Amino acid sequence: MPLLGAAVAALVLANSPFAEAVDSLFRIRFGLSLGPIDLNKPVLLWINDGLMALFFLLVGLEIKREVVEGALSQPSQVALPVMGALGGMAVPAAVYVAITWSDPTALRGWAIPAATDIAFSLGVLAALGRRVPLALKVFLTTLAIVDDLGAIVVIAIFYTSDLSPVALGLAAVFIAGLAILNFAGVRRLLPYLLLGVLLWVSVLKSGVHATLAGVVLALFIPLKSAGEADEARPAIRLEHVIKPWSAWLIMPVFAFANAGLPLGGLSLASLLAPLPLGIMAGLLVGKQIGIMLGAGLLIALGLAALPSGATWRGLYGVAILGGIGFTMSLFIGTLAFPDDAAREAQVRLGVLAGSILSALAGWAVLRSQRKSA
């Protein structure tokens, strides 16, 4: 898996003689300046603000497709994973807050353990093969999509800096332009993408995180059309174009840039500091409790049933895998503690520890199941 390889490479290089060279690489500035628009940024910010906007465009396209015609379009199928996702966001945040309560600055990271990395969690399920029934894989996929939607809302509301009325006004103009294109039935992607670039620049300068421009763009790209093949539908076509780039370039590059953690001097005491402990406990403990409470409550009340072919043990194993935060947790960590190297290192420690332990524990629980037919 490219994402895993990039994360391992980042850890190896961060603990090698090349660590300073790699760090210097991500500090190199490039770009352009046009009057009041300054787009001269370090490589790291181009990755976190630029490449990740493309990732969030893909997330937005996937969410739109699922809401319009996929698993999220059927109320009977969506209730269980939605409740699991809500519990899986609320409880980890509460665990983190309880552990870091005495540190007002650390409290800014409350959303870090609330995220689930869909790529890694589904990768573990794939490795288990027929021991996990298809319905549980669909449950985890839907849960992770709802989780991503929750992360988008959290970023928009809680991780927004000082706002620029002028830039927000320009963003509103470009959004109106996207709406007009959609209403007029424009099917070509180029006009949407050109307005999307302008929207990204305006959102970048507005104080709202630039990645949200990708989500907004996705909402206006046409999806439904009568009698049209998937390959001809603009949203589906763009999703198919971006997906391999996301899997093989965008997410690995993000992981390589943000997962490096110098291990020298780390000890058990380092992991037990409030910030990394809050993240690790939120992912490993809070996630499984929250998902099981949310989904289990519906089942216990008779409002939903276990996914077809699943057992309580299987559901619990998948709930543990929900604690693999990795990419989204690291991303929210960059927003919570910008320009704070010490806390960024603690975020990486907590995310890596919580995600690895969740992956191992979830794999062990699901591995003990018999193979499904």
Protein backbone atom coordinates (compact mmCIF):
# COMPACT_ATOMS: atom_id res chain seq x y z
CA MET A 1 0.00 0.00 0.00
CA PRO A 2 1.59 3.32 -1.08
CA LEU A 3 0.21 5.17 1.95
CA LEU A 4 1.79 2.70 4.39
CA GLY A 5 5.07 2.75 2.48
CA ALA A 6 5.19 6.55 2.59
CA ALA A 7 4.50 6.59 6.34
CA VAL A 8 7.25 4.05 6.99
CA ALA A 9 9.67 6.00 4.77
CA ALA A 10 8.87 9.19 6.69
CA LEU A 11 9.63 7.49 10.01
CA VAL A 12 12.85 5.97 8.71
CA LEU A 13 14.15 9.24 7.25
CA ALA A 14 13.14 11.22 10.35
CA ASN A 15 15.52 8.97 12.31
CA SER A 16 18.36 9.00 9.80
CA PRO A 17 21.22 11.39 8.91
CA PHE A 18 18.94 12.74 6.15
CA ALA A 19 16.34 14.11 8.59
CA GLU A 20 17.51 17.72 8.35
CA ALA A 21 17.71 17.58 4.56
CA VAL A 22 14.12 16.30 4.33
CA ASP A 23 12.93 18.98 6.73
CA SER A 24 14.70 21.65 4.67
CA LEU A 25 13.02 20.32 1.54
CA PHE A 26 9.56 20.90 3.00
CA ARG A 27 10.55 24.45 4.04
CA ILE A 28 11.50 25.52 0.49
CA ARG A 29 9.19 28.30 -0.67
CA PHE A 30 7.86 28.68 -4.20
CA GLY A 31 4.84 30.12 -5.97
CA LEU A 32 3.81 33.51 -7.27
CA SER A 33 2.53 36.87 -6.12
CA LEU A 34 0.03 38.98 -8.05
CA GLY A 35 -0.68 42.24 -6.26
CA PRO A 36 -2.53 41.44 -3.02
CA ILE A 37 -2.57 37.72 -3.83
CA ASP A 38 0.50 36.09 -2.32
CA LEU A 39 0.82 32.41 -3.19
CA ASN A 40 4.48 32.04 -2.26
CA LYS A 41 4.36 29.16 0.25
CA PRO A 42 6.60 26.41 1.67
CA VAL A 43 6.33 22.98 0.07
CA LEU A 44 4.64 21.64 3.21
CA LEU A 45 1.79 24.14 2.93
CA TRP A 46 1.35 23.44 -0.79
CA ILE A 47 0.86 19.80 0.23
CA ASN A 48 -1.49 20.48 3.15
CA ASP A 49 -3.50 23.27 1.48
CA GLY A 50 -3.19 22.34 -2.19
CA LEU A 51 -2.90 18.58 -2.65
CA MET A 52 -5.30 17.98 0.23
CA ALA A 53 -7.89 20.19 -1.50
CA LEU A 54 -7.88 17.60 -4.31
CA PHE A 55 -8.31 14.84 -1.73
CA PHE A 56 -11.30 16.67 -0.23
CA LEU A 57 -12.70 17.14 -3.74
CA LEU A 58 -12.61 13.35 -4.06
CA VAL A 59 -14.21 12.96 -0.61
CA GLY A 60 -16.94 15.41 -1.63
CA LEU A 61 -17.61 13.52 -4.87
CA GLU A 62 -17.82 10.20 -3.00
CA ILE A 63 -20.17 11.62 -0.36
CA LYS A 64 -22.40 13.17 -3.05
CA ARG A 65 -22.59 9.88 -4.95
CA GLU A 66 -23.43 7.92 -1.80
CA VAL A 67 -26.12 10.44 -0.76
CA VAL A 68 -27.72 10.61 -4.20
CA GLU A 69 -27.66 6.96 -5.22
CA GLY A 70 -25.53 4.90 -2.84
CA ALA A 71 -25.69 3.56 0.71
CA LEU A 72 -26.55 6.96 2.19
CA SER A 73 -29.62 7.27 -0.05
CA GLN A 74 -31.47 4.43 1.73
CA PRO A 75 -32.70 5.33 5.25
CA SER A 76 -32.91 1.65 6.14
CA GLN A 77 -29.21 1.16 5.38
CA VAL A 78 -27.85 4.41 6.75
CA ALA A 79 -29.16 4.55 10.33
CA LEU A 80 -26.75 1.99 11.84
CA PRO A 81 -23.46 3.38 10.44
CA VAL A 82 -24.58 6.99 11.00
CA MET A 83 -25.26 6.34 14.67
CA GLY A 84 -21.98 4.44 14.91
CA ALA A 85 -20.15 7.35 13.29
CA LEU A 86 -21.76 9.92 15.59
CA GLY A 87 -20.83 7.90 18.67
CA GLY A 88 -17.39 7.31 17.17
CA MET A 89 -16.82 11.05 16.91
CA ALA A 90 -18.34 12.17 20.20
CA VAL A 91 -16.80 9.67 22.63
CA PRO A 92 -13.16 9.97 21.43
CA ALA A 93 -13.45 13.75 21.63
CA ALA A 94 -14.79 13.45 25.17
CA VAL A 95 -11.96 11.08 26.16
CA TYR A 96 -9.39 13.51 24.75
CA VAL A 97 -10.94 16.49 26.54
CA ALA A 98 -11.04 14.60 29.84
CA ILE A 99 -7.32 13.80 29.61
CA THR A 100 -6.13 17.23 28.39
CA TRP A 101 -8.55 19.35 30.42
CA SER A 102 -5.78 21.09 32.38
CA ASP A 103 -4.06 22.36 29.21
CA PRO A 104 -6.17 24.98 27.36
CA THR A 105 -3.87 24.93 24.33
CA ALA A 106 -3.96 21.15 24.02
CA LEU A 107 -7.77 21.28 24.07
CA ARG A 108 -7.64 22.70 20.54
CA GLY A 109 -6.87 19.16 19.38
CA TRP A 110 -10.15 17.67 20.64
CA ALA A 111 -11.20 16.59 17.12
CA ILE A 112 -7.97 14.73 16.31
CA PRO A 113 -9.06 11.28 17.63
CA ALA A 114 -12.56 11.68 16.17
CA ALA A 115 -11.37 10.79 12.64
CA THR A 116 -11.22 7.43 10.85
CA ASP A 117 -8.82 6.68 7.99
CA ILE A 118 -10.95 4.85 5.43
CA ALA A 119 -7.98 3.63 3.36
CA PHE A 120 -6.09 1.98 6.22
CA SER A 121 -9.17 0.54 7.95
CA LEU A 122 -10.48 -1.02 4.74
CA GLY A 123 -6.97 -2.25 3.98
CA VAL A 124 -7.00 -4.27 7.20
CA LEU A 125 -10.42 -5.70 6.30
CA ALA A 126 -9.16 -6.66 2.84
CA ALA A 127 -6.23 -8.52 4.41
CA LEU A 128 -8.71 -10.58 6.47
CA GLY A 129 -10.52 -11.80 3.36
CA ARG A 130 -13.64 -13.93 3.95
CA ARG A 131 -13.41 -13.69 7.73
CA VAL A 132 -15.28 -10.39 7.39
CA PRO A 133 -18.70 -10.53 5.66
CA LEU A 134 -19.39 -8.02 2.91
CA ALA A 135 -22.10 -6.31 4.98
CA LEU A 136 -19.53 -5.37 7.65
CA LYS A 137 -17.24 -3.90 5.00
CA VAL A 138 -20.15 -1.81 3.72
CA PHE A 139 -20.90 -0.77 7.32
CA LEU A 140 -17.33 0.42 7.89
CA THR A 141 -17.19 2.18 4.51
CA THR A 142 -20.43 4.05 5.18
CA LEU A 143 -19.34 4.87 8.73
CA ALA A 144 -16.03 6.29 7.44
CA ILE A 145 -17.83 8.41 4.82
CA VAL A 146 -20.13 9.88 7.48
CA ASP A 147 -17.03 10.38 9.63
CA ASP A 148 -15.38 12.31 6.77
CA LEU A 149 -18.49 14.48 6.45
CA GLY A 150 -18.31 15.18 10.18
CA ALA A 151 -14.63 16.09 9.86
CA ILE A 152 -15.48 18.57 7.08
CA VAL A 153 -18.07 20.25 9.31
CA VAL A 154 -15.65 20.36 12.25
CA ILE A 155 -12.89 21.91 10.14
CA ALA A 156 -15.26 24.53 8.73
CA ILE A 157 -16.62 25.55 12.13
CA PHE A 158 -13.78 25.08 14.61
CA TYR A 159 -10.55 25.42 12.64
CA THR A 160 -11.16 28.70 10.86
CA SER A 161 -8.87 31.67 11.53
CA ASP A 162 -9.57 35.42 11.17
CA LEU A 163 -11.93 35.93 8.26
CA SER A 164 -11.41 38.25 5.30
CA PRO A 165 -14.74 39.75 4.12
CA VAL A 166 -13.30 40.57 0.68
CA ALA A 167 -12.00 37.04 0.07
CA LEU A 168 -15.25 35.54 1.38
CA GLY A 169 -17.20 37.81 -0.97
CA LEU A 170 -15.13 36.61 -3.92
CA ALA A 171 -15.65 33.01 -2.81
CA ALA A 172 -19.42 33.64 -2.78
CA VAL A 173 -19.22 34.99 -6.36
CA PHE A 174 -17.38 31.89 -7.57
CA ILE A 175 -19.83 29.60 -5.75
CA ALA A 176 -22.67 31.45 -7.48
CA GLY A 177 -20.87 30.85 -10.78
CA LEU A 178 -20.70 27.11 -10.04
CA ALA A 179 -24.40 27.10 -9.20
CA ILE A 180 -25.22 28.83 -12.49
CA LEU A 181 -23.19 26.27 -14.44
CA ASN A 182 -25.02 23.44 -12.70
CA PHE A 183 -28.46 25.05 -13.16
CA ALA A 184 -27.73 25.67 -16.85
CA GLY A 185 -26.95 21.97 -17.29
CA VAL A 186 -23.30 22.45 -18.29
CA ARG A 187 -21.74 18.98 -18.57
CA ARG A 188 -18.13 19.88 -19.43
CA LEU A 189 -15.73 19.68 -16.50
CA LEU A 190 -13.34 22.45 -17.56
CA PRO A 191 -15.58 25.44 -16.59
CA TYR A 192 -16.22 23.89 -13.17
CA LEU A 193 -12.51 23.24 -12.61
CA LEU A 194 -11.51 26.77 -13.63
CA LEU A 195 -14.01 28.27 -11.19
CA GLY A 196 -12.85 25.71 -8.63
CA VAL A 197 -9.27 26.98 -8.84
CA LEU A 198 -10.46 30.58 -8.34
CA LEU A 199 -12.63 29.41 -5.44
CA TRP A 200 -9.63 27.64 -3.87
CA VAL A 201 -7.52 30.83 -4.04
CA SER A 202 -10.27 32.96 -2.51
CA VAL A 203 -10.98 30.44 0.27
CA LEU A 204 -7.23 30.15 0.93
CA LYS A 205 -7.08 33.92 1.53
CA SER A 206 -10.39 34.07 3.43
CA GLY A 207 -9.32 32.42 6.69
CA VAL A 208 -11.45 29.32 6.04
CA HIS A 209 -9.26 26.30 5.37
CA ALA A 210 -8.60 25.98 1.64
CA THR A 211 -9.38 22.25 1.48
CA LEU A 212 -13.08 23.04 1.95
CA ALA A 213 -13.08 24.56 -1.55
CA GLY A 214 -12.72 21.01 -2.88
CA VAL A 215 -15.85 19.88 -1.04
CA VAL A 216 -17.87 22.87 -2.28
CA LEU A 217 -16.75 22.27 -5.87
CA ALA A 218 -17.84 18.64 -5.63
CA LEU A 219 -21.37 19.66 -4.66
CA PHE A 220 -21.93 21.48 -7.97
CA ILE A 221 -20.40 19.02 -10.45
CA PRO A 222 -23.34 17.22 -12.15
CA LEU A 223 -23.95 13.62 -11.16
CA LYS A 224 -27.42 12.44 -12.17
CA SER A 225 -28.44 12.06 -15.81
CA ALA A 226 -31.02 9.84 -17.48
CA GLY A 227 -29.64 7.01 -19.56
CA GLU A 228 -26.03 8.18 -19.38
CA ALA A 229 -23.21 5.69 -18.76
CA ASP A 230 -21.04 6.20 -15.67
CA GLU A 231 -18.06 7.10 -17.86
CA ALA A 232 -20.00 10.05 -19.33
CA ARG A 233 -21.29 11.48 -16.03
CA PRO A 234 -19.07 14.44 -15.02
CA ALA A 235 -18.89 13.69 -11.28
CA ILE A 236 -18.21 9.98 -11.80
CA ARG A 237 -15.66 10.73 -14.52
CA LEU A 238 -13.78 13.18 -12.31
CA GLU A 239 -13.92 10.77 -9.36
CA HIS A 240 -12.34 8.05 -11.50
CA VAL A 241 -9.60 10.45 -12.62
CA ILE A 242 -8.70 11.67 -9.13
CA LYS A 243 -8.95 8.35 -7.26
CA PRO A 244 -5.70 6.76 -8.53
CA TRP A 245 -3.85 10.07 -8.08
CA SER A 246 -5.15 10.22 -4.52
CA ALA A 247 -4.13 6.65 -3.73
CA TRP A 248 -0.72 6.73 -5.40
CA LEU A 249 0.39 10.36 -4.99
CA ILE A 250 -1.70 12.73 -2.88
CA MET A 251 -2.14 10.64 0.27
CA PRO A 252 1.36 9.09 0.20
CA VAL A 253 2.93 12.55 -0.24
CA PHE A 254 0.82 13.90 2.63
CA ALA A 255 1.81 10.97 4.84
CA PHE A 256 5.48 11.38 3.92
CA ALA A 257 5.35 15.09 4.77
CA ASN A 258 3.45 14.75 8.05
CA ALA A 259 4.18 11.33 9.59
CA GLY A 260 7.90 11.72 10.27
CA LEU A 261 8.62 11.36 13.99
CA PRO A 262 12.13 11.41 15.51
CA LEU A 263 12.19 8.51 17.97
CA GLY A 264 15.35 9.53 19.76
CA GLY A 265 14.64 10.48 23.35
CA LEU A 266 11.10 9.09 23.29
CA SER A 267 10.04 6.96 26.22
CA LEU A 268 6.86 5.68 27.83
CA ALA A 269 6.67 9.01 29.64
CA SER A 270 6.53 10.77 26.25
CA LEU A 271 3.47 8.75 25.25
CA LEU A 272 1.83 9.33 28.63
CA ALA A 273 1.97 13.12 28.30
CA PRO A 274 -1.62 14.48 28.17
CA LEU A 275 -1.74 15.38 24.46
CA PRO A 276 -0.44 12.12 22.93
CA LEU A 277 -2.19 10.06 25.61
CA GLY A 278 -5.48 11.84 24.87
CA ILE A 279 -5.14 11.08 21.15
CA MET A 280 -4.08 7.46 21.68
CA ALA A 281 -6.83 6.78 24.23
CA GLY A 282 -9.41 8.54 22.08
CA LEU A 283 -8.54 6.40 19.05
CA LEU A 284 -7.99 3.07 20.77
CA VAL A 285 -10.63 3.26 23.50
CA GLY A 286 -13.00 6.09 22.66
CA LYS A 287 -13.63 5.02 19.08
CA GLN A 288 -14.62 1.45 19.84
CA ILE A 289 -16.83 2.49 22.75
CA GLY A 290 -18.50 5.26 20.74
CA ILE A 291 -19.18 3.13 17.67
CA MET A 292 -20.50 0.22 19.72
CA LEU A 293 -22.69 2.51 21.82
CA GLY A 294 -24.13 4.28 18.79
CA ALA A 295 -24.75 1.19 16.66
CA GLY A 296 -25.47 -1.16 19.56
CA LEU A 297 -28.18 1.13 20.94
CA LEU A 298 -30.15 0.95 17.69
CA ILE A 299 -29.83 -2.83 17.60
CA ALA A 300 -30.80 -3.20 21.26
CA LEU A 301 -33.88 -1.02 20.70
CA GLY A 302 -34.91 -3.10 17.70
CA LEU A 303 -34.55 -0.13 15.33
CA ALA A 304 -31.81 -1.83 13.32
CA ALA A 305 -30.29 -5.29 12.94
CA LEU A 306 -26.74 -6.55 12.82
CA PRO A 307 -25.31 -6.35 9.29
CA SER A 308 -26.12 -9.48 7.30
CA GLY A 309 -23.85 -12.39 8.24
CA ALA A 310 -22.19 -10.41 11.04
CA THR A 311 -21.78 -11.30 14.70
CA TRP A 312 -21.36 -9.04 17.71
CA ARG A 313 -17.68 -10.00 17.74
CA GLY A 314 -17.36 -8.96 14.10
CA LEU A 315 -19.09 -5.64 14.74
CA TYR A 316 -16.79 -5.05 17.71
CA GLY A 317 -13.70 -5.81 15.62
CA VAL A 318 -14.80 -3.30 12.98
CA ALA A 319 -15.49 -0.74 15.72
CA ILE A 320 -11.89 -1.13 16.91
CA LEU A 321 -10.64 -0.57 13.35
CA GLY A 322 -12.52 2.74 13.43
CA GLY A 323 -9.70 3.88 15.71
CA ILE A 324 -7.25 3.94 12.80
CA GLY A 325 -7.20 7.72 12.49
CA PHE A 326 -3.90 8.25 10.70
CA THR A 327 -4.38 10.56 7.67
CA MET A 328 -7.40 12.57 8.82
CA SER A 329 -6.15 12.71 12.41
CA LEU A 330 -2.74 13.98 11.28
CA PHE A 331 -4.44 16.53 9.04
CA ILE A 332 -6.65 17.89 11.82
CA GLY A 333 -3.53 17.99 14.02
CA THR A 334 -1.83 20.34 11.52
CA LEU A 335 -4.85 22.65 11.81
CA ALA A 336 -5.06 22.47 15.59
CA PHE A 337 -1.40 23.30 16.25
CA PRO A 338 0.01 25.29 13.31
CA ASP A 339 3.65 26.35 13.65
CA ASP A 340 4.03 24.46 16.94
CA ALA A 341 6.73 21.85 16.31
CA ALA A 342 6.65 20.40 19.82
CA ARG A 343 2.91 19.74 19.80
CA GLU A 344 2.99 18.53 16.19
CA ALA A 345 5.49 15.87 17.28
CA GLN A 346 3.18 14.88 20.14
CA VAL A 347 0.25 14.67 17.70
CA ARG A 348 2.23 12.34 15.44
CA LEU A 349 3.20 10.17 18.39
CA GLY A 350 -0.38 9.86 19.64
CA VAL A 351 -1.86 9.27 16.18
CA LEU A 352 0.70 6.64 15.22
CA ALA A 353 0.41 4.81 18.54
CA GLY A 354 -3.41 4.88 18.59
CA SER A 355 -3.75 3.90 14.94
CA ILE A 356 -1.25 1.04 15.09
CA LEU A 357 -2.74 -0.39 18.29
CA SER A 358 -6.27 -0.11 16.85
CA ALA A 359 -5.18 -1.89 13.66
CA LEU A 360 -3.52 -4.72 15.58
CA ALA A 361 -6.38 -5.13 18.08
CA GLY A 362 -9.09 -5.00 15.40
CA TRP A 363 -7.19 -7.47 13.22
CA ALA A 364 -6.78 -9.87 16.18
CA VAL A 365 -10.50 -9.79 17.04
CA LEU A 366 -11.62 -10.27 13.44
CA ARG A 367 -8.92 -12.88 12.75
CA SER A 368 -10.44 -15.08 15.46
CA GLN A 369 -13.67 -15.35 13.49
CA ARG A 370 -14.46 -18.20 11.15
CA LYS A 371 -14.43 -17.47 7.44
CA SER A 372 -17.81 -16.51 6.07
CA ALA A 373 -19.30 -18.51 3.23
